[in-house]
Amino acid sequence: MGKFHRMLDPGLNILLPIVDKVKYVQSLKEIAIDVPKQSAITSDNVTLSIDGVLYLRILNPYLASYGVEDPEFAITQLAQTTMRSELGKISLDNVFRERESLNVSIVESINKASEAWGITCLRYEIRDIKLPTRVQEAMQMQVEAERKKRAAILESEGVREADINVAEGKRQARILASEAERQEQINKASGEAQAMLAIAEARAKGLELVARPLKTKDGQNAASLNVAELYVQAFQKLAQKGNTLILPSNVGDVTSAVSQAMVVCYVCHHMMLSFIIIQAMAIYNHLSKKNEDMASCPANTYKSAKYFSDEVHETPQVKPGSTKPVDLTE
C-alpha cells in the first residue's frame, strides 16, 4: 500500500493480490559497468582521455533500492569523478608507471562513498588512455631517443669489452713471449756455460798432458825449440807478402824493438849456421870414407880417386850473409 513491507528471499514467496507488490528486484551477482571515456588533467598539465571498467556487487538490496535512485548511474559518476581526482595528483609518467596503484586508489575512494548505498566496488581497471597528438609525438621521440641512447651505450660497452679482450689477449701474448724469451736466454746461457766449462776442462786436461813432459830433463829445451820454430815460421809467412807491415807492440820503445829484432836475427843465423855445419860434417865423413877406400885400391885407380877427392875439396862453401868461401877443414 505504498510502503516498504518486507524483502523477499530467494525461493517461494506468497504475495497477497492488490495488497503486496514487488517494487525493486536487485541481483546479488557481480556486475561489470563500463565507465565512459572522459578527460582528465595530470599534475604536469597534460590532458588525457581515459576510460575503464568497474566491477561491483550489491550487498544490501534495501539500501541499493531505497538509498539511491539509480545505483549504476551513481556508481559510474562516482567512478569518473574519483578517477579524475586521482589523476590530478600524479604526473603523466606515473600514470603509466603506477597504473596498478591508481586502480587501487580509485576503488578505495568509491567504497567510502558507496557504503551508504549498499554497494561495494570490487575492482577498477583503466582500459584505455589516449594522449594529445603532440604529446604522443613527443613521447614517441623520447622513446626513440631513449632507445638510441641505450643502443649507443650497449654498442660502446660492446666496443669496450672487445678492446679489453684484445688488450688482455695482447698482454697475455706479450707475457708468454717474454717468458719464452727469458727461458730461451736461460737455456742459451746454461748451454754456453756448459760449453765453456767443457772447453775449460778439455784445455785443463790438455795443459796437464803438455805439462807432464815439461817436467822432464829436456822438456823445457824442447818447448823453447818448438816456440822458436813457430816464431820463425810466422815471420817467414809474413815475409812472403810484400804489403805486410809489422809494428812492435810498444811503438815508443824503439830500443826494445831493435834489440828484439837483433835477437831474432841472431837466433835465425845460428840456426842456419848449425844446419850448414851439420851438413858439412856429413859430407866430410863421406869423403873420408872414400879416401880410405882409395888408399886400399890399386895405383892405376889412385889418380881418378885423387881427382875426385880434390874436386870435392875444392867446392867452395859460403857462410850465410858472406861472399867469401870458407874452408870447412879449419
C-alpha atoms as a PDB file:
ATOM      1  CA  MET A   1       0.000   0.000   0.000  1.00  0.00           C
ATOM      2  CA  GLY A   2       2.866   2.426  -0.916  1.00  0.00           C
ATOM      3  CA  LYS A   3       5.211   1.488   1.948  1.00  0.00           C
ATOM      4  CA  PHE A   4       8.113  -0.953   2.342  1.00  0.00           C
ATOM      5  CA  HIS A   5       6.806  -4.136   3.896  1.00  0.00           C
ATOM      6  CA  ARG A   6       9.483  -6.830   3.595  1.00  0.00           C
ATOM      7  CA  MET A   7      12.236  -8.274   1.393  1.00  0.00           C
ATOM      8  CA  LEU A   8      11.534 -11.424  -0.456  1.00  0.00           C
ATOM      9  CA  ASP A   9      14.233 -14.056  -0.074  1.00  0.00           C
ATOM     10  CA  PRO A  10      15.170 -16.371  -2.909  1.00  0.00           C
ATOM     11  CA  GLY A  11      12.722 -19.221  -3.273  1.00  0.00           C
ATOM     12  CA  LEU A  12       8.896 -19.480  -2.912  1.00  0.00           C
ATOM     13  CA  ASN A  13       7.147 -16.382  -1.583  1.00  0.00           C
ATOM     14  CA  ILE A  14       3.383 -15.714  -1.176  1.00  0.00           C
ATOM     15  CA  LEU A  15       2.025 -12.307  -2.116  1.00  0.00           C
ATOM     16  CA  LEU A  16      -1.453 -11.015  -1.436  1.00  0.00           C
ATOM     17  CA  PRO A  17      -3.063  -9.662  -4.568  1.00  0.00           C
ATOM     18  CA  ILE A  18      -3.663  -5.923  -4.644  1.00  0.00           C
ATOM     19  CA  VAL A  19      -2.017  -5.637  -1.194  1.00  0.00           C
ATOM     20  CA  ASP A  20       1.568  -6.774  -1.928  1.00  0.00           C
ATOM     21  CA  LYS A  21       3.604  -5.603  -4.928  1.00  0.00           C
ATOM     22  CA  VAL A  22       7.267  -6.171  -5.896  1.00  0.00           C
ATOM     23  CA  LYS A  23       8.844  -2.729  -6.346  1.00  0.00           C
ATOM     24  CA  TYR A  24      12.600  -3.445  -6.916  1.00  0.00           C
ATOM     25  CA  VAL A  25      14.468  -6.549  -7.999  1.00  0.00           C
ATOM     26  CA  GLN A  26      18.188  -6.466  -7.234  1.00  0.00           C
ATOM     27  CA  SER A  27      20.778  -9.019  -8.480  1.00  0.00           C
ATOM     28  CA  LEU A  28      23.379 -10.090  -5.964  1.00  0.00           C
ATOM     29  CA  LYS A  29      25.824 -11.142  -8.673  1.00  0.00           C
ATOM     30  CA  GLU A  30      28.998  -9.253  -9.560  1.00  0.00           C
ATOM     31  CA  ILE A  31      28.223  -6.576 -12.090  1.00  0.00           C
ATOM     32  CA  ALA A  32      30.644  -5.062 -14.644  1.00  0.00           C
ATOM     33  CA  ILE A  33      29.885  -1.492 -15.585  1.00  0.00           C
ATOM     34  CA  ASP A  34      31.558   0.292 -18.463  1.00  0.00           C
ATOM     35  CA  VAL A  35      32.830   3.681 -17.343  1.00  0.00           C
ATOM     36  CA  PRO A  36      32.563   6.114 -20.284  1.00  0.00           C
ATOM     37  CA  LYS A  37      35.586   7.923 -21.667  1.00  0.00           C
ATOM     38  CA  GLN A  38      36.367  11.229 -20.029  1.00  0.00           C
ATOM     39  CA  SER A  39      39.137  13.817 -19.983  1.00  0.00           C
ATOM     40  CA  ALA A  40      41.450  14.363 -17.032  1.00  0.00           C
ATOM     41  CA  ILE A  41      44.408  16.628 -16.348  1.00  0.00           C
ATOM     42  CA  THR A  42      47.532  15.288 -14.696  1.00  0.00           C
ATOM     43  CA  SER A  43      49.699  17.163 -12.225  1.00  0.00           C
ATOM     44  CA  ASP A  44      52.061  18.238 -15.052  1.00  0.00           C
ATOM     45  CA  ASN A  45      49.121  19.769 -17.018  1.00  0.00           C
ATOM     46  CA  VAL A  46      48.703  17.063 -19.641  1.00  0.00           C
ATOM     47  CA  THR A  47      45.149  16.374 -20.775  1.00  0.00           C
ATOM     48  CA  LEU A  48      44.267  12.694 -21.015  1.00  0.00           C
ATOM     49  CA  SER A  49      41.291  10.842 -22.406  1.00  0.00           C
ATOM     50  CA  ILE A  50      40.697   7.809 -20.205  1.00  0.00           C
ATOM     51  CA  ASP A  51      38.041   5.157 -19.655  1.00  0.00           C
ATOM     52  CA  GLY A  52      37.747   1.980 -17.622  1.00  0.00           C
ATOM     53  CA  VAL A  53      35.677  -0.915 -16.317  1.00  0.00           C
ATOM     54  CA  LEU A  54      34.125  -1.028 -12.831  1.00  0.00           C
ATOM     55  CA  TYR A  55      33.276  -4.302 -11.072  1.00  0.00           C
ATOM     56  CA  LEU A  56      30.769  -4.054  -8.186  1.00  0.00           C
ATOM     57  CA  ARG A  57      28.310  -6.097  -6.160  1.00  0.00           C
ATOM     58  CA  ILE A  58      25.137  -5.241  -4.208  1.00  0.00           C
ATOM     59  CA  LEU A  59      25.480  -6.270  -0.585  1.00  0.00           C
ATOM     60  CA  ASN A  60      22.303  -4.655   0.816  1.00  0.00           C
ATOM     61  CA  PRO A  61      19.350  -4.733  -1.613  1.00  0.00           C
ATOM     62  CA  TYR A  62      17.286  -2.446   0.608  1.00  0.00           C
ATOM     63  CA  LEU A  63      19.901   0.353   0.580  1.00  0.00           C
ATOM     64  CA  ALA A  64      20.542  -0.203  -3.104  1.00  0.00           C
ATOM     65  CA  SER A  65      16.814   0.217  -3.769  1.00  0.00           C
ATOM     66  CA  TYR A  66      15.921   2.974  -1.352  1.00  0.00           C
ATOM     67  CA  GLY A  67      19.308   4.592  -0.667  1.00  0.00           C
ATOM     68  CA  VAL A  68      19.890   5.825  -4.218  1.00  0.00           C
ATOM     69  CA  GLU A  69      17.629   6.291  -7.193  1.00  0.00           C
ATOM     70  CA  ASP A  70      19.857   4.673  -9.842  1.00  0.00           C
ATOM     71  CA  PRO A  71      22.736   2.708  -8.350  1.00  0.00           C
ATOM     72  CA  GLU A  72      24.562   2.039 -11.624  1.00  0.00           C
ATOM     73  CA  PHE A  73      24.455   5.658 -12.753  1.00  0.00           C
ATOM     74  CA  ALA A  74      25.502   6.858  -9.320  1.00  0.00           C
ATOM     75  CA  ILE A  75      28.422   4.485  -9.087  1.00  0.00           C
ATOM     76  CA  THR A  76      29.506   5.335 -12.642  1.00  0.00           C
ATOM     77  CA  GLN A  77      29.536   9.046 -11.919  1.00  0.00           C
ATOM     78  CA  LEU A  78      31.373   8.411  -8.680  1.00  0.00           C
ATOM     79  CA  ALA A  79      33.994   6.340 -10.535  1.00  0.00           C
ATOM     80  CA  GLN A  80      34.528   9.105 -13.105  1.00  0.00           C
ATOM     81  CA  THR A  81      34.931  11.863 -10.546  1.00  0.00           C
ATOM     82  CA  THR A  82      37.201   9.729  -8.380  1.00  0.00           C
ATOM     83  CA  MET A  83      39.355   8.787 -11.374  1.00  0.00           C
ATOM     84  CA  ARG A  84      39.641  12.445 -12.421  1.00  0.00           C
ATOM     85  CA  SER A  85      40.626  13.408  -8.876  1.00  0.00           C
ATOM     86  CA  GLU A  86      43.273  10.689  -8.580  1.00  0.00           C
ATOM     87  CA  LEU A  87      44.814  11.512 -11.979  1.00  0.00           C
ATOM     88  CA  GLY A  88      45.259  15.131 -10.920  1.00  0.00           C
ATOM     89  CA  LYS A  89      47.562  14.009  -8.121  1.00  0.00           C
ATOM     90  CA  ILE A  90      50.169  12.279 -10.299  1.00  0.00           C
ATOM     91  CA  SER A  91      52.221  13.116 -13.387  1.00  0.00           C
ATOM     92  CA  LEU A  92      51.920  11.647 -16.850  1.00  0.00           C
ATOM     93  CA  ASP A  93      54.858   9.310 -16.382  1.00  0.00           C
ATOM     94  CA  ASN A  94      53.380   7.964 -13.154  1.00  0.00           C
ATOM     95  CA  VAL A  95      50.054   7.301 -14.885  1.00  0.00           C
ATOM     96  CA  PHE A  96      51.772   4.625 -16.974  1.00  0.00           C
ATOM     97  CA  ARG A  97      54.225   3.572 -14.314  1.00  0.00           C
ATOM     98  CA  GLU A  98      51.799   3.354 -11.358  1.00  0.00           C
ATOM     99  CA  ARG A  99      48.710   2.116 -13.120  1.00  0.00           C
ATOM    100  CA  GLU A 100      48.006  -0.614 -10.603  1.00  0.00           C
ATOM    101  CA  SER A 101      48.287   1.686  -7.599  1.00  0.00           C
ATOM    102  CA  LEU A 102      45.985   4.165  -9.356  1.00  0.00           C
ATOM    103  CA  ASN A 103      43.318   1.456  -9.713  1.00  0.00           C
ATOM    104  CA  VAL A 104      43.564   0.604  -6.013  1.00  0.00           C
ATOM    105  CA  SER A 105      43.206   4.275  -5.015  1.00  0.00           C
ATOM    106  CA  ILE A 106      40.068   4.653  -7.159  1.00  0.00           C
ATOM    107  CA  VAL A 107      38.492   1.522  -5.603  1.00  0.00           C
ATOM    108  CA  GLU A 108      39.146   2.779  -2.066  1.00  0.00           C
ATOM    109  CA  SER A 109      37.626   6.192  -2.831  1.00  0.00           C
ATOM    110  CA  ILE A 110      34.497   4.615  -4.411  1.00  0.00           C
ATOM    111  CA  ASN A 111      33.923   2.246  -1.471  1.00  0.00           C
ATOM    112  CA  LYS A 112      33.976   5.090   1.027  1.00  0.00           C
ATOM    113  CA  ALA A 113      31.205   6.906  -0.834  1.00  0.00           C
ATOM    114  CA  SER A 114      29.103   3.877  -1.846  1.00  0.00           C
ATOM    115  CA  GLU A 115      28.898   2.336   1.611  1.00  0.00           C
ATOM    116  CA  ALA A 116      25.558   4.113   2.233  1.00  0.00           C
ATOM    117  CA  TRP A 117      24.144   2.630  -0.975  1.00  0.00           C
ATOM    118  CA  GLY A 118      24.720  -0.970   0.000  1.00  0.00           C
ATOM    119  CA  ILE A 119      27.121  -1.399  -2.910  1.00  0.00           C
ATOM    120  CA  THR A 120      30.787  -2.429  -2.758  1.00  0.00           C
ATOM    121  CA  CYS A 121      33.334  -1.878  -5.509  1.00  0.00           C
ATOM    122  CA  LEU A 122      35.432  -4.973  -6.061  1.00  0.00           C
ATOM    123  CA  ARG A 123      37.992  -3.547  -8.509  1.00  0.00           C
ATOM    124  CA  TYR A 124      38.513  -0.926 -11.136  1.00  0.00           C
ATOM    125  CA  GLU A 125      40.611  -1.308 -14.260  1.00  0.00           C
ATOM    126  CA  ILE A 126      41.786   1.521 -16.506  1.00  0.00           C
ATOM    127  CA  ARG A 127      41.116   0.304 -20.021  1.00  0.00           C
ATOM    128  CA  ASP A 128      42.435   2.907 -22.421  1.00  0.00           C
ATOM    129  CA  ILE A 129      44.494   6.086 -22.141  1.00  0.00           C
ATOM    130  CA  LYS A 130      44.714   8.465 -25.074  1.00  0.00           C
ATOM    131  CA  LEU A 131      47.132  11.359 -25.271  1.00  0.00           C
ATOM    132  CA  PRO A 132      47.066  14.514 -27.405  1.00  0.00           C
ATOM    133  CA  THR A 133      48.794  14.166 -30.761  1.00  0.00           C
ATOM    134  CA  ARG A 134      51.677  16.484 -29.907  1.00  0.00           C
ATOM    135  CA  VAL A 135      52.259  14.836 -26.565  1.00  0.00           C
ATOM    136  CA  GLN A 136      52.161  11.439 -28.188  1.00  0.00           C
ATOM    137  CA  GLU A 137      54.716  12.519 -30.823  1.00  0.00           C
ATOM    138  CA  ALA A 138      56.954  13.994 -28.130  1.00  0.00           C
ATOM    139  CA  MET A 139      56.745  10.787 -26.126  1.00  0.00           C
ATOM    140  CA  GLN A 140      57.500   8.785 -29.246  1.00  0.00           C
ATOM    141  CA  MET A 141      60.585  10.905 -29.880  1.00  0.00           C
ATOM    142  CA  GLN A 142      61.581  10.500 -26.259  1.00  0.00           C
ATOM    143  CA  VAL A 143      61.195   6.756 -26.520  1.00  0.00           C
ATOM    144  CA  GLU A 144      63.245   6.685 -29.708  1.00  0.00           C
ATOM    145  CA  ALA A 145      65.933   8.843 -28.130  1.00  0.00           C
ATOM    146  CA  GLU A 146      65.992   6.580 -25.099  1.00  0.00           C
ATOM    147  CA  ARG A 147      66.293   3.539 -27.309  1.00  0.00           C
ATOM    148  CA  LYS A 148      69.071   5.160 -29.333  1.00  0.00           C
ATOM    149  CA  LYS A 149      70.809   6.055 -26.099  1.00  0.00           C
ATOM    150  CA  ARG A 150      70.563   2.501 -24.843  1.00  0.00           C
ATOM    151  CA  ALA A 151      71.733   1.198 -28.213  1.00  0.00           C
ATOM    152  CA  ALA A 152      74.727   3.567 -28.138  1.00  0.00           C
ATOM    153  CA  ILE A 153      75.510   2.534 -24.569  1.00  0.00           C
ATOM    154  CA  LEU A 154      75.274  -1.130 -25.460  1.00  0.00           C
ATOM    155  CA  GLU A 155      77.423  -0.583 -28.543  1.00  0.00           C
ATOM    156  CA  SER A 156      80.044   1.337 -26.560  1.00  0.00           C
ATOM    157  CA  GLU A 157      80.040  -1.350 -23.892  1.00  0.00           C
ATOM    158  CA  GLY A 158      80.490  -3.944 -26.604  1.00  0.00           C
ATOM    159  CA  VAL A 159      83.407  -1.992 -28.086  1.00  0.00           C
ATOM    160  CA  ARG A 160      84.882  -1.545 -24.614  1.00  0.00           C
ATOM    161  CA  GLU A 161      84.593  -5.232 -23.868  1.00  0.00           C
ATOM    162  CA  ALA A 162      86.127  -6.043 -27.255  1.00  0.00           C
ATOM    163  CA  ASP A 163      89.022  -3.637 -26.641  1.00  0.00           C
ATOM    164  CA  ILE A 164      89.518  -5.077 -23.175  1.00  0.00           C
ATOM    165  CA  ASN A 165      89.558  -8.596 -24.586  1.00  0.00           C
ATOM    166  CA  VAL A 166      92.014  -7.589 -27.327  1.00  0.00           C
ATOM    167  CA  ALA A 167      94.257  -5.782 -24.828  1.00  0.00           C
ATOM    168  CA  GLU A 168      94.085  -8.728 -22.458  1.00  0.00           C
ATOM    169  CA  GLY A 169      94.973 -11.080 -25.289  1.00  0.00           C
ATOM    170  CA  LYS A 170      97.936  -8.901 -26.299  1.00  0.00           C
ATOM    171  CA  ARG A 171      99.062  -8.690 -22.669  1.00  0.00           C
ATOM    172  CA  GLN A 172      98.902 -12.452 -22.287  1.00  0.00           C
ATOM    173  CA  ALA A 173     100.732 -12.890 -25.600  1.00  0.00           C
ATOM    174  CA  ARG A 174     103.479 -10.479 -24.526  1.00  0.00           C
ATOM    175  CA  ILE A 175     103.780 -12.171 -21.154  1.00  0.00           C
ATOM    176  CA  LEU A 176     104.073 -15.582 -22.788  1.00  0.00           C
ATOM    177  CA  ALA A 177     106.551 -14.228 -25.360  1.00  0.00           C
ATOM    178  CA  SER A 178     108.682 -12.617 -22.637  1.00  0.00           C
ATOM    179  CA  GLU A 179     108.592 -15.809 -20.586  1.00  0.00           C
ATOM    180  CA  ALA A 180     109.582 -17.814 -23.651  1.00  0.00           C
ATOM    181  CA  GLU A 181     112.414 -15.371 -24.418  1.00  0.00           C
ATOM    182  CA  ARG A 182     113.548 -15.468 -20.791  1.00  0.00           C
ATOM    183  CA  GLN A 183     113.534 -19.263 -20.826  1.00  0.00           C
ATOM    184  CA  GLU A 184     115.405 -19.220 -24.143  1.00  0.00           C
ATOM    185  CA  GLN A 185     118.043 -16.883 -22.715  1.00  0.00           C
ATOM    186  CA  ILE A 186     118.322 -19.069 -19.614  1.00  0.00           C
ATOM    187  CA  ASN A 187     118.751 -22.186 -21.754  1.00  0.00           C
ATOM    188  CA  LYS A 188     121.250 -20.403 -24.018  1.00  0.00           C
ATOM    189  CA  ALA A 189     123.251 -19.127 -21.047  1.00  0.00           C
ATOM    190  CA  SER A 190     123.172 -22.581 -19.472  1.00  0.00           C
ATOM    191  CA  GLY A 191     124.369 -24.140 -22.731  1.00  0.00           C
ATOM    192  CA  GLU A 192     127.137 -21.558 -23.132  1.00  0.00           C
ATOM    193  CA  ALA A 193     128.178 -22.087 -19.524  1.00  0.00           C
ATOM    194  CA  GLN A 194     128.321 -25.855 -20.030  1.00  0.00           C
ATOM    195  CA  ALA A 195     130.245 -25.372 -23.289  1.00  0.00           C
ATOM    196  CA  MET A 196     132.718 -23.021 -21.611  1.00  0.00           C
ATOM    197  CA  LEU A 197     133.082 -25.484 -18.745  1.00  0.00           C
ATOM    198  CA  ALA A 198     133.709 -28.342 -21.170  1.00  0.00           C
ATOM    199  CA  ILE A 199     136.263 -26.245 -23.116  1.00  0.00           C
ATOM    200  CA  ALA A 200     137.971 -25.244 -19.878  1.00  0.00           C
ATOM    201  CA  GLU A 201     138.080 -28.864 -18.707  1.00  0.00           C
ATOM    202  CA  ALA A 202     139.473 -30.000 -22.063  1.00  0.00           C
ATOM    203  CA  ARG A 203     142.062 -27.202 -22.031  1.00  0.00           C
ATOM    204  CA  ALA A 204     143.000 -28.070 -18.463  1.00  0.00           C
ATOM    205  CA  LYS A 205     143.467 -31.718 -19.431  1.00  0.00           C
ATOM    206  CA  GLY A 206     145.488 -30.662 -22.486  1.00  0.00           C
ATOM    207  CA  LEU A 207     147.677 -28.382 -20.406  1.00  0.00           C
ATOM    208  CA  GLU A 208     148.105 -31.161 -17.898  1.00  0.00           C
ATOM    209  CA  LEU A 209     149.221 -33.530 -20.663  1.00  0.00           C
ATOM    210  CA  VAL A 210     151.610 -30.877 -22.021  1.00  0.00           C
ATOM    211  CA  ALA A 211     152.943 -30.067 -18.559  1.00  0.00           C
ATOM    212  CA  ARG A 212     153.897 -33.668 -17.821  1.00  0.00           C
ATOM    213  CA  PRO A 213     156.694 -33.832 -20.463  1.00  0.00           C
ATOM    214  CA  LEU A 214     157.902 -30.359 -19.461  1.00  0.00           C
ATOM    215  CA  LYS A 215     158.732 -31.705 -16.015  1.00  0.00           C
ATOM    216  CA  THR A 216     161.382 -33.997 -17.538  1.00  0.00           C
ATOM    217  CA  LYS A 217     165.039 -33.088 -18.037  1.00  0.00           C
ATOM    218  CA  ASP A 218     164.891 -31.954 -21.686  1.00  0.00           C
ATOM    219  CA  GLY A 219     161.246 -30.821 -21.643  1.00  0.00           C
ATOM    220  CA  GLN A 220     161.978 -27.106 -21.233  1.00  0.00           C
ATOM    221  CA  ASN A 221     164.537 -27.158 -24.079  1.00  0.00           C
ATOM    222  CA  ALA A 222     162.107 -28.941 -26.397  1.00  0.00           C
ATOM    223  CA  ALA A 223     159.367 -26.433 -25.578  1.00  0.00           C
ATOM    224  CA  SER A 224     161.712 -23.498 -26.238  1.00  0.00           C
ATOM    225  CA  LEU A 225     162.780 -25.017 -29.564  1.00  0.00           C
ATOM    226  CA  ASN A 226     159.142 -25.539 -30.568  1.00  0.00           C
ATOM    227  CA  VAL A 227     158.275 -21.918 -29.732  1.00  0.00           C
ATOM    228  CA  ALA A 228     161.300 -20.673 -31.726  1.00  0.00           C
ATOM    229  CA  GLU A 229     160.310 -22.760 -34.757  1.00  0.00           C
ATOM    230  CA  LEU A 230     156.764 -21.412 -34.654  1.00  0.00           C
ATOM    231  CA  TYR A 231     158.126 -17.868 -34.314  1.00  0.00           C
ATOM    232  CA  VAL A 232     160.381 -18.291 -37.367  1.00  0.00           C
ATOM    233  CA  GLN A 233     157.589 -19.876 -39.415  1.00  0.00           C
ATOM    234  CA  ALA A 234     155.316 -16.965 -38.601  1.00  0.00           C
ATOM    235  CA  PHE A 235     157.909 -14.446 -39.800  1.00  0.00           C
ATOM    236  CA  GLN A 236     158.501 -16.488 -42.955  1.00  0.00           C
ATOM    237  CA  LYS A 237     154.777 -16.358 -43.789  1.00  0.00           C
ATOM    238  CA  LEU A 238     154.696 -12.624 -43.176  1.00  0.00           C
ATOM    239  CA  ALA A 239     157.784 -12.113 -45.344  1.00  0.00           C
ATOM    240  CA  GLN A 240     156.042 -13.762 -48.318  1.00  0.00           C
ATOM    241  CA  LYS A 241     153.600 -10.826 -48.524  1.00  0.00           C
ATOM    242  CA  GLY A 242     155.116  -7.601 -49.818  1.00  0.00           C
ATOM    243  CA  ASN A 243     152.399  -5.378 -48.401  1.00  0.00           C
ATOM    244  CA  THR A 244     152.694  -6.610 -44.807  1.00  0.00           C
ATOM    245  CA  LEU A 245     153.843  -4.092 -42.213  1.00  0.00           C
ATOM    246  CA  ILE A 246     154.899  -5.369 -38.798  1.00  0.00           C
ATOM    247  CA  LEU A 247     154.668  -2.927 -35.932  1.00  0.00           C
ATOM    248  CA  PRO A 248     156.108  -3.571 -32.483  1.00  0.00           C
ATOM    249  CA  SER A 249     153.764  -3.880 -29.557  1.00  0.00           C
ATOM    250  CA  ASN A 250     155.353  -0.819 -27.903  1.00  0.00           C
ATOM    251  CA  VAL A 251     155.911   1.875 -30.568  1.00  0.00           C
ATOM    252  CA  GLY A 252     157.534   4.299 -28.123  1.00  0.00           C
ATOM    253  CA  ASP A 253     160.243   1.848 -27.032  1.00  0.00           C
ATOM    254  CA  VAL A 254     162.413   1.731 -30.209  1.00  0.00           C
ATOM    255  CA  THR A 255     165.447   0.308 -28.392  1.00  0.00           C
ATOM    256  CA  SER A 256     163.476  -2.706 -27.185  1.00  0.00           C
ATOM    257  CA  ALA A 257     162.144  -3.327 -30.703  1.00  0.00           C
ATOM    258  CA  VAL A 258     165.652  -3.163 -32.228  1.00  0.00           C
ATOM    259  CA  SER A 259     167.069  -5.491 -29.583  1.00  0.00           C
ATOM    260  CA  GLN A 260     164.252  -7.970 -30.157  1.00  0.00           C
ATOM    261  CA  ALA A 261     164.898  -7.859 -33.917  1.00  0.00           C
ATOM    262  CA  MET A 262     168.649  -8.429 -33.386  1.00  0.00           C
ATOM    263  CA  VAL A 263     167.936 -11.350 -31.084  1.00  0.00           C
ATOM    264  CA  VAL A 264     165.632 -12.890 -33.687  1.00  0.00           C
ATOM    265  CA  CYS A 265     168.240 -12.407 -36.439  1.00  0.00           C
ATOM    266  CA  TYR A 266     170.944 -13.850 -34.208  1.00  0.00           C
ATOM    267  CA  VAL A 267     168.861 -16.914 -33.424  1.00  0.00           C
ATOM    268  CA  CYS A 268     167.975 -17.418 -37.086  1.00  0.00           C
ATOM    269  CA  HIS A 269     171.631 -17.002 -38.159  1.00  0.00           C
ATOM    270  CA  HIS A 270     172.883 -19.533 -35.633  1.00  0.00           C
ATOM    271  CA  MET A 271     170.136 -21.967 -36.532  1.00  0.00           C
ATOM    272  CA  MET A 272     171.086 -21.750 -40.222  1.00  0.00           C
ATOM    273  CA  LEU A 273     174.800 -21.967 -39.395  1.00  0.00           C
ATOM    274  CA  SER A 274     174.227 -25.044 -37.260  1.00  0.00           C
ATOM    275  CA  PHE A 275     172.296 -26.625 -40.097  1.00  0.00           C
ATOM    276  CA  ILE A 276     175.152 -25.896 -42.581  1.00  0.00           C
ATOM    277  CA  ILE A 277     177.795 -27.231 -40.192  1.00  0.00           C
ATOM    278  CA  ILE A 278     175.828 -30.435 -39.707  1.00  0.00           C
ATOM    279  CA  GLN A 279     175.553 -30.896 -43.472  1.00  0.00           C
ATOM    280  CA  ALA A 280     179.282 -30.165 -43.967  1.00  0.00           C
ATOM    281  CA  MET A 281     180.241 -32.690 -41.297  1.00  0.00           C
ATOM    282  CA  ALA A 282     178.172 -35.281 -43.070  1.00  0.00           C
ATOM    283  CA  ILE A 283     179.938 -34.548 -46.392  1.00  0.00           C
ATOM    284  CA  TYR A 284     183.365 -34.643 -44.703  1.00  0.00           C
ATOM    285  CA  ASN A 285     182.668 -38.017 -43.144  1.00  0.00           C
ATOM    286  CA  HIS A 286     181.548 -39.301 -46.508  1.00  0.00           C
ATOM    287  CA  LEU A 287     184.736 -38.074 -48.243  1.00  0.00           C
ATOM    288  CA  SER A 288     186.958 -39.500 -45.515  1.00  0.00           C
ATOM    289  CA  LYS A 289     185.403 -42.860 -46.056  1.00  0.00           C
ATOM    290  CA  LYS A 290     186.021 -42.536 -49.806  1.00  0.00           C
ATOM    291  CA  ASN A 291     189.725 -41.671 -49.262  1.00  0.00           C
ATOM    292  CA  GLU A 292     190.167 -44.726 -47.104  1.00  0.00           C
ATOM    293  CA  ASP A 293     188.645 -46.838 -49.830  1.00  0.00           C
ATOM    294  CA  MET A 294     191.002 -45.322 -52.476  1.00  0.00           C
ATOM    295  CA  ALA A 295     194.014 -45.967 -50.320  1.00  0.00           C
ATOM    296  CA  SER A 296     193.224 -49.624 -50.407  1.00  0.00           C
ATOM    297  CA  CYS A 297     192.705 -49.585 -54.232  1.00  0.00           C
ATOM    298  CA  PRO A 298     195.438 -50.296 -56.971  1.00  0.00           C
ATOM    299  CA  ALA A 299     197.761 -47.482 -58.216  1.00  0.00           C
ATOM    300  CA  ASN A 300     196.139 -47.098 -61.588  1.00  0.00           C
ATOM    301  CA  THR A 301     192.933 -46.062 -59.901  1.00  0.00           C
ATOM    302  CA  TYR A 302     194.529 -43.645 -57.433  1.00  0.00           C
ATOM    303  CA  LYS A 303     194.682 -40.720 -59.806  1.00  0.00           C
ATOM    304  CA  SER A 304     190.998 -40.805 -60.545  1.00  0.00           C
ATOM    305  CA  ALA A 305     190.184 -41.149 -56.881  1.00  0.00           C
ATOM    306  CA  LYS A 306     192.503 -38.295 -56.025  1.00  0.00           C
ATOM    307  CA  TYR A 307     190.945 -36.196 -58.716  1.00  0.00           C
ATOM    308  CA  PHE A 308     187.552 -36.955 -57.305  1.00  0.00           C
ATOM    309  CA  SER A 309     188.792 -36.096 -53.813  1.00  0.00           C
ATOM    310  CA  ASP A 310     190.385 -32.836 -54.939  1.00  0.00           C
ATOM    311  CA  GLU A 311     187.284 -31.905 -56.832  1.00  0.00           C
ATOM    312  CA  VAL A 312     185.182 -32.423 -53.801  1.00  0.00           C
ATOM    313  CA  HIS A 313     187.507 -30.442 -51.504  1.00  0.00           C
ATOM    314  CA  GLU A 314     187.730 -27.586 -53.932  1.00  0.00           C
ATOM    315  CA  THR A 315     183.979 -26.980 -53.778  1.00  0.00           C
ATOM    316  CA  PRO A 316     183.609 -23.505 -52.313  1.00  0.00           C
ATOM    317  CA  GLN A 317     181.410 -23.072 -49.247  1.00  0.00           C
ATOM    318  CA  VAL A 318     179.967 -19.698 -48.360  1.00  0.00           C
ATOM    319  CA  LYS A 319     178.749 -18.582 -44.959  1.00  0.00           C
ATOM    320  CA  PRO A 320     175.253 -17.093 -44.728  1.00  0.00           C
ATOM    321  CA  GLY A 321     175.485 -13.333 -45.211  1.00  0.00           C
ATOM    322  CA  SER A 322     179.111 -13.533 -46.670  1.00  0.00           C
ATOM    323  CA  THR A 323     180.570 -13.809 -50.219  1.00  0.00           C
ATOM    324  CA  LYS A 324     183.941 -15.403 -49.241  1.00  0.00           C
ATOM    325  CA  PRO A 325     184.476 -19.167 -49.425  1.00  0.00           C
ATOM    326  CA  VAL A 326     185.102 -20.947 -46.180  1.00  0.00           C
ATOM    327  CA  ASP A 327     187.424 -23.877 -45.640  1.00  0.00           C
ATOM    328  CA  LEU A 328     185.398 -26.485 -43.824  1.00  0.00           C
ATOM    329  CA  THR A 329     188.560 -28.226 -42.503  1.00  0.00           C
ATOM    330  CA  GLU A 330     189.517 -25.299 -40.338  1.00  0.00           C
END
